[in-house]
Amino acid sequence: MRDDDILTGAVVEETWLTVEQMATICTVEPQWLRHHLEEGLFPRTECVAGTWRFSGEHLRRARRMREMERVFDAEPELAALVADLLDEMEDMRARLRRAGLD
C-alpha cells in the first residue's frame, strides 16, 4: 500500500483493532506503533492477553501523528502533542456548538 492510497470505511467505537490492523489502516509498520506505545504516546490503550487493543480514537490519533511526522519531519513526542491539541480544539468546538455559541 502506498502513502497516497485512500482507504474509506467506518470505525465503530465498540470495535477494537490490533497492532497489525492499525498499522495496515495507517500505512505504517507495526514496529512504528509498538515504538510509540513504548514511549507512552497512546494514552488509554489496553493490552489484553498480550494483545494491544486500539479504538477509533486511537486510529484518529495515529493518523494525525503519522502525518505530522511525515509531512513536517516532527519528532514523535511533538506529533503526539499536536494530536492532543487538535483533539482539545475539536472538543471545545463541539461544546460551543452544543451550547449554541458557535
N, C-alpha and C. Protein backbone atom coordinates (compact mmCIF):
# COMPACT_ATOMS: atom_id res chain seq x y z
N MET A 1 0.84 -1.17 0.00
CA MET A 1 0.00 0.00 0.00
C MET A 1 0.89 1.24 0.00
N ARG A 2 0.55 2.22 -0.80
CA ARG A 2 1.33 3.44 -0.88
C ARG A 2 0.79 4.48 0.11
N ASP A 3 1.62 5.50 0.42
CA ASP A 3 1.21 6.56 1.33
C ASP A 3 0.00 7.32 0.83
N ASP A 4 -0.15 7.45 -0.48
CA ASP A 4 -1.24 8.26 -1.00
C ASP A 4 -2.50 7.45 -1.33
N ASP A 5 -2.49 6.15 -0.99
CA ASP A 5 -3.70 5.35 -1.15
C ASP A 5 -4.75 5.85 -0.18
N ILE A 6 -5.99 5.87 -0.63
CA ILE A 6 -7.09 6.35 0.21
C ILE A 6 -7.93 5.15 0.64
N LEU A 7 -8.09 5.04 1.94
CA LEU A 7 -8.94 4.00 2.49
C LEU A 7 -10.21 4.64 3.02
N THR A 8 -11.33 4.03 2.74
CA THR A 8 -12.58 4.55 3.27
C THR A 8 -13.25 3.47 4.09
N GLY A 9 -14.09 3.90 4.99
CA GLY A 9 -14.81 2.96 5.83
C GLY A 9 -15.24 3.64 7.10
N ALA A 10 -15.88 2.90 7.94
CA ALA A 10 -16.35 3.43 9.21
C ALA A 10 -15.74 2.62 10.34
N VAL A 11 -15.33 3.32 11.36
CA VAL A 11 -14.81 2.65 12.56
C VAL A 11 -15.88 2.77 13.62
N VAL A 12 -16.30 1.67 14.13
CA VAL A 12 -17.29 1.64 15.19
C VAL A 12 -16.54 1.66 16.51
N GLU A 13 -16.90 2.56 17.40
CA GLU A 13 -16.18 2.71 18.66
C GLU A 13 -16.13 1.44 19.49
N GLU A 14 -17.10 0.57 19.36
CA GLU A 14 -17.09 -0.65 20.14
C GLU A 14 -16.15 -1.70 19.55
N THR A 15 -15.61 -1.44 18.38
CA THR A 15 -14.71 -2.38 17.72
C THR A 15 -13.28 -2.06 18.12
N TRP A 16 -12.51 -3.08 18.43
CA TRP A 16 -11.11 -2.92 18.79
C TRP A 16 -10.25 -3.38 17.63
N LEU A 17 -9.16 -2.66 17.40
CA LEU A 17 -8.21 -3.01 16.35
C LEU A 17 -6.92 -3.49 16.98
N THR A 18 -6.26 -4.43 16.31
CA THR A 18 -4.97 -4.93 16.77
C THR A 18 -3.85 -4.05 16.21
N VAL A 19 -2.64 -4.29 16.66
CA VAL A 19 -1.48 -3.55 16.16
C VAL A 19 -1.38 -3.72 14.64
N GLU A 20 -1.53 -4.93 14.16
CA GLU A 20 -1.40 -5.20 12.73
C GLU A 20 -2.50 -4.51 11.93
N GLN A 21 -3.73 -4.52 12.44
CA GLN A 21 -4.83 -3.84 11.75
C GLN A 21 -4.60 -2.34 11.72
N MET A 22 -4.19 -1.78 12.86
CA MET A 22 -3.91 -0.34 12.92
C MET A 22 -2.80 0.03 11.95
N ALA A 23 -1.75 -0.76 11.93
CA ALA A 23 -0.62 -0.47 11.04
C ALA A 23 -1.06 -0.48 9.59
N THR A 24 -1.88 -1.44 9.21
CA THR A 24 -2.37 -1.51 7.84
C THR A 24 -3.21 -0.29 7.49
N ILE A 25 -4.12 0.07 8.37
CA ILE A 25 -5.00 1.20 8.11
C ILE A 25 -4.21 2.51 8.03
N CYS A 26 -3.22 2.66 8.89
CA CYS A 26 -2.43 3.90 8.95
C CYS A 26 -1.24 3.90 8.00
N THR A 27 -1.05 2.83 7.26
CA THR A 27 0.08 2.64 6.34
C THR A 27 1.42 2.89 7.04
N VAL A 28 1.58 2.24 8.19
CA VAL A 28 2.84 2.26 8.92
C VAL A 28 3.22 0.82 9.22
N GLU A 29 4.45 0.65 9.61
CA GLU A 29 4.90 -0.67 10.05
C GLU A 29 4.40 -0.91 11.47
N PRO A 30 4.10 -2.15 11.82
CA PRO A 30 3.70 -2.44 13.21
C PRO A 30 4.72 -1.95 14.22
N GLN A 31 6.00 -1.97 13.86
CA GLN A 31 7.05 -1.50 14.76
C GLN A 31 6.87 -0.02 15.09
N TRP A 32 6.36 0.77 14.15
CA TRP A 32 6.10 2.20 14.39
C TRP A 32 5.12 2.33 15.56
N LEU A 33 4.05 1.55 15.51
CA LEU A 33 3.06 1.60 16.59
C LEU A 33 3.65 1.10 17.91
N ARG A 34 4.38 0.01 17.86
CA ARG A 34 4.97 -0.52 19.09
C ARG A 34 5.92 0.48 19.73
N HIS A 35 6.73 1.14 18.90
CA HIS A 35 7.65 2.15 19.43
C HIS A 35 6.87 3.29 20.10
N HIS A 36 5.81 3.75 19.47
CA HIS A 36 5.01 4.83 20.04
C HIS A 36 4.29 4.38 21.31
N LEU A 37 3.89 3.12 21.37
CA LEU A 37 3.30 2.57 22.59
C LEU A 37 4.32 2.56 23.72
N GLU A 38 5.53 2.10 23.41
CA GLU A 38 6.59 2.03 24.42
C GLU A 38 6.93 3.42 24.96
N GLU A 39 6.82 4.43 24.11
CA GLU A 39 7.12 5.80 24.51
C GLU A 39 5.95 6.45 25.26
N GLY A 40 4.83 5.75 25.37
CA GLY A 40 3.67 6.28 26.10
C GLY A 40 2.87 7.30 25.31
N LEU A 41 2.94 7.25 23.99
CA LEU A 41 2.28 8.25 23.16
C LEU A 41 0.85 7.89 22.77
N PHE A 42 0.39 6.75 23.25
CA PHE A 42 -1.01 6.34 23.05
C PHE A 42 -1.65 6.11 24.41
N PRO A 43 -2.14 7.19 25.02
CA PRO A 43 -2.78 7.02 26.34
C PRO A 43 -4.07 6.20 26.22
N ARG A 44 -4.43 5.58 27.29
CA ARG A 44 -5.67 4.81 27.40
C ARG A 44 -5.75 3.63 26.44
N THR A 45 -4.60 3.03 26.12
CA THR A 45 -4.63 1.80 25.34
C THR A 45 -4.69 0.62 26.30
N GLU A 46 -5.19 -0.49 25.82
CA GLU A 46 -5.31 -1.68 26.65
C GLU A 46 -4.51 -2.81 26.03
N CYS A 47 -3.91 -3.61 26.88
CA CYS A 47 -3.25 -4.84 26.44
C CYS A 47 -3.97 -5.99 27.14
N VAL A 48 -4.67 -6.78 26.36
CA VAL A 48 -5.45 -7.89 26.90
C VAL A 48 -4.83 -9.18 26.38
N ALA A 49 -4.41 -10.01 27.30
CA ALA A 49 -3.79 -11.30 26.97
C ALA A 49 -2.64 -11.14 25.98
N GLY A 50 -1.84 -10.08 26.19
CA GLY A 50 -0.68 -9.85 25.34
C GLY A 50 -0.97 -9.20 24.01
N THR A 51 -2.23 -8.79 23.78
CA THR A 51 -2.61 -8.16 22.52
C THR A 51 -3.07 -6.73 22.78
N TRP A 52 -2.41 -5.77 22.12
CA TRP A 52 -2.81 -4.38 22.25
C TRP A 52 -4.12 -4.16 21.52
N ARG A 53 -4.99 -3.35 22.13
CA ARG A 53 -6.29 -3.05 21.53
C ARG A 53 -6.41 -1.54 21.34
N PHE A 54 -6.79 -1.15 20.12
CA PHE A 54 -6.92 0.27 19.76
C PHE A 54 -8.36 0.58 19.40
N SER A 55 -8.79 1.78 19.75
CA SER A 55 -10.15 2.23 19.44
C SER A 55 -10.11 3.18 18.24
N GLY A 56 -11.28 3.66 17.85
CA GLY A 56 -11.36 4.65 16.79
C GLY A 56 -10.63 5.93 17.16
N GLU A 57 -10.66 6.29 18.44
CA GLU A 57 -9.93 7.46 18.93
C GLU A 57 -8.42 7.28 18.70
N HIS A 58 -7.93 6.09 18.97
CA HIS A 58 -6.52 5.80 18.75
C HIS A 58 -6.16 5.85 17.27
N LEU A 59 -7.09 5.38 16.43
CA LEU A 59 -6.87 5.42 14.99
C LEU A 59 -6.71 6.86 14.51
N ARG A 60 -7.61 7.72 14.95
CA ARG A 60 -7.53 9.14 14.59
C ARG A 60 -6.20 9.74 15.06
N ARG A 61 -5.81 9.42 16.26
CA ARG A 61 -4.55 9.92 16.83
C ARG A 61 -3.34 9.42 16.04
N ALA A 62 -3.34 8.13 15.72
CA ALA A 62 -2.21 7.55 14.97
C ALA A 62 -2.08 8.21 13.60
N ARG A 63 -3.19 8.42 12.94
CA ARG A 63 -3.14 9.07 11.62
C ARG A 63 -2.61 10.49 11.72
N ARG A 64 -3.04 11.21 12.71
CA ARG A 64 -2.55 12.59 12.88
C ARG A 64 -1.05 12.60 13.19
N MET A 65 -0.64 11.72 14.08
CA MET A 65 0.78 11.67 14.45
C MET A 65 1.63 11.28 13.24
N ARG A 66 1.19 10.29 12.51
CA ARG A 66 1.92 9.85 11.33
C ARG A 66 2.06 10.99 10.33
N GLU A 67 0.99 11.71 10.13
CA GLU A 67 1.01 12.83 9.18
C GLU A 67 1.98 13.92 9.63
N MET A 68 1.97 14.25 10.91
CA MET A 68 2.90 15.27 11.43
C MET A 68 4.36 14.82 11.26
N GLU A 69 4.60 13.56 11.53
CA GLU A 69 5.96 13.03 11.38
C GLU A 69 6.39 13.01 9.92
N ARG A 70 5.46 12.63 9.05
CA ARG A 70 5.80 12.50 7.63
C ARG A 70 5.95 13.86 6.95
N VAL A 71 4.96 14.72 7.11
CA VAL A 71 4.95 15.99 6.40
C VAL A 71 5.94 16.99 6.99
N PHE A 72 5.99 17.07 8.31
CA PHE A 72 6.83 18.08 8.95
C PHE A 72 8.10 17.52 9.57
N ASP A 73 8.34 16.23 9.38
CA ASP A 73 9.51 15.57 9.96
C ASP A 73 9.57 15.81 11.47
N ALA A 74 8.39 15.77 12.09
CA ALA A 74 8.28 16.04 13.52
C ALA A 74 8.73 14.83 14.33
N GLU A 75 9.32 15.11 15.47
CA GLU A 75 9.65 14.05 16.42
C GLU A 75 8.34 13.44 16.94
N PRO A 76 8.32 12.17 17.30
CA PRO A 76 7.09 11.54 17.78
C PRO A 76 6.43 12.28 18.94
N GLU A 77 7.22 12.80 19.87
CA GLU A 77 6.65 13.50 21.01
C GLU A 77 5.92 14.77 20.57
N LEU A 78 6.49 15.50 19.61
CA LEU A 78 5.85 16.71 19.09
C LEU A 78 4.58 16.35 18.33
N ALA A 79 4.64 15.29 17.54
CA ALA A 79 3.46 14.84 16.81
C ALA A 79 2.33 14.47 17.78
N ALA A 80 2.67 13.84 18.89
CA ALA A 80 1.68 13.48 19.90
C ALA A 80 1.08 14.73 20.54
N LEU A 81 1.90 15.72 20.81
CA LEU A 81 1.42 16.98 21.38
C LEU A 81 0.45 17.66 20.42
N VAL A 82 0.78 17.71 19.14
CA VAL A 82 -0.11 18.31 18.14
C VAL A 82 -1.42 17.54 18.10
N ALA A 83 -1.36 16.21 18.13
CA ALA A 83 -2.59 15.41 18.15
C ALA A 83 -3.44 15.74 19.37
N ASP A 84 -2.81 15.91 20.53
CA ASP A 84 -3.53 16.29 21.74
C ASP A 84 -4.22 17.64 21.56
N LEU A 85 -3.50 18.61 21.02
CA LEU A 85 -4.06 19.95 20.83
C LEU A 85 -5.22 19.94 19.84
N LEU A 86 -5.09 19.18 18.76
CA LEU A 86 -6.19 19.09 17.80
C LEU A 86 -7.42 18.44 18.42
N ASP A 87 -7.22 17.41 19.24
CA ASP A 87 -8.35 16.80 19.95
C ASP A 87 -9.03 17.80 20.88
N GLU A 88 -8.23 18.56 21.61
CA GLU A 88 -8.79 19.57 22.51
C GLU A 88 -9.59 20.62 21.75
N MET A 89 -9.07 21.06 20.61
CA MET A 89 -9.79 22.04 19.80
C MET A 89 -11.13 21.49 19.32
N GLU A 90 -11.12 20.24 18.87
CA GLU A 90 -12.37 19.63 18.42
C GLU A 90 -13.37 19.51 19.57
N ASP A 91 -12.90 19.12 20.75
CA ASP A 91 -13.78 19.02 21.91
C ASP A 91 -14.38 20.38 22.27
N MET A 92 -13.55 21.41 22.26
CA MET A 92 -14.03 22.75 22.60
C MET A 92 -15.04 23.25 21.57
N ARG A 93 -14.78 23.01 20.30
CA ARG A 93 -15.73 23.42 19.26
C ARG A 93 -17.06 22.69 19.41
N ALA A 94 -17.01 21.41 19.75
CA ALA A 94 -18.24 20.64 19.95
C ALA A 94 -19.03 21.18 21.14
N ARG A 95 -18.32 21.53 22.21
CA ARG A 95 -19.02 22.12 23.38
C ARG A 95 -19.65 23.45 23.02
N LEU A 96 -18.97 24.26 22.25
CA LEU A 96 -19.53 25.55 21.82
C LEU A 96 -20.77 25.34 20.96
N ARG A 97 -20.72 24.37 20.06
CA ARG A 97 -21.90 24.09 19.21
C ARG A 97 -23.07 23.65 20.06
N ARG A 98 -22.82 22.74 21.04
CA ARG A 98 -23.90 22.26 21.90
C ARG A 98 -24.49 23.39 22.74
N ALA A 99 -23.67 24.35 23.09
CA ALA A 99 -24.14 25.48 23.88
C ALA A 99 -24.75 26.57 23.00
N GLY A 100 -24.69 26.37 21.67
CA GLY A 100 -25.24 27.36 20.75
C GLY A 100 -24.38 28.60 20.62
N LEU A 101 -23.11 28.49 20.88
CA LEU A 101 -22.20 29.63 20.86
C LEU A 101 -21.23 29.61 19.68
N ASP A 102 -21.49 28.77 18.72
CA ASP A 102 -20.53 28.67 17.61
C ASP A 102 -20.68 29.73 16.58
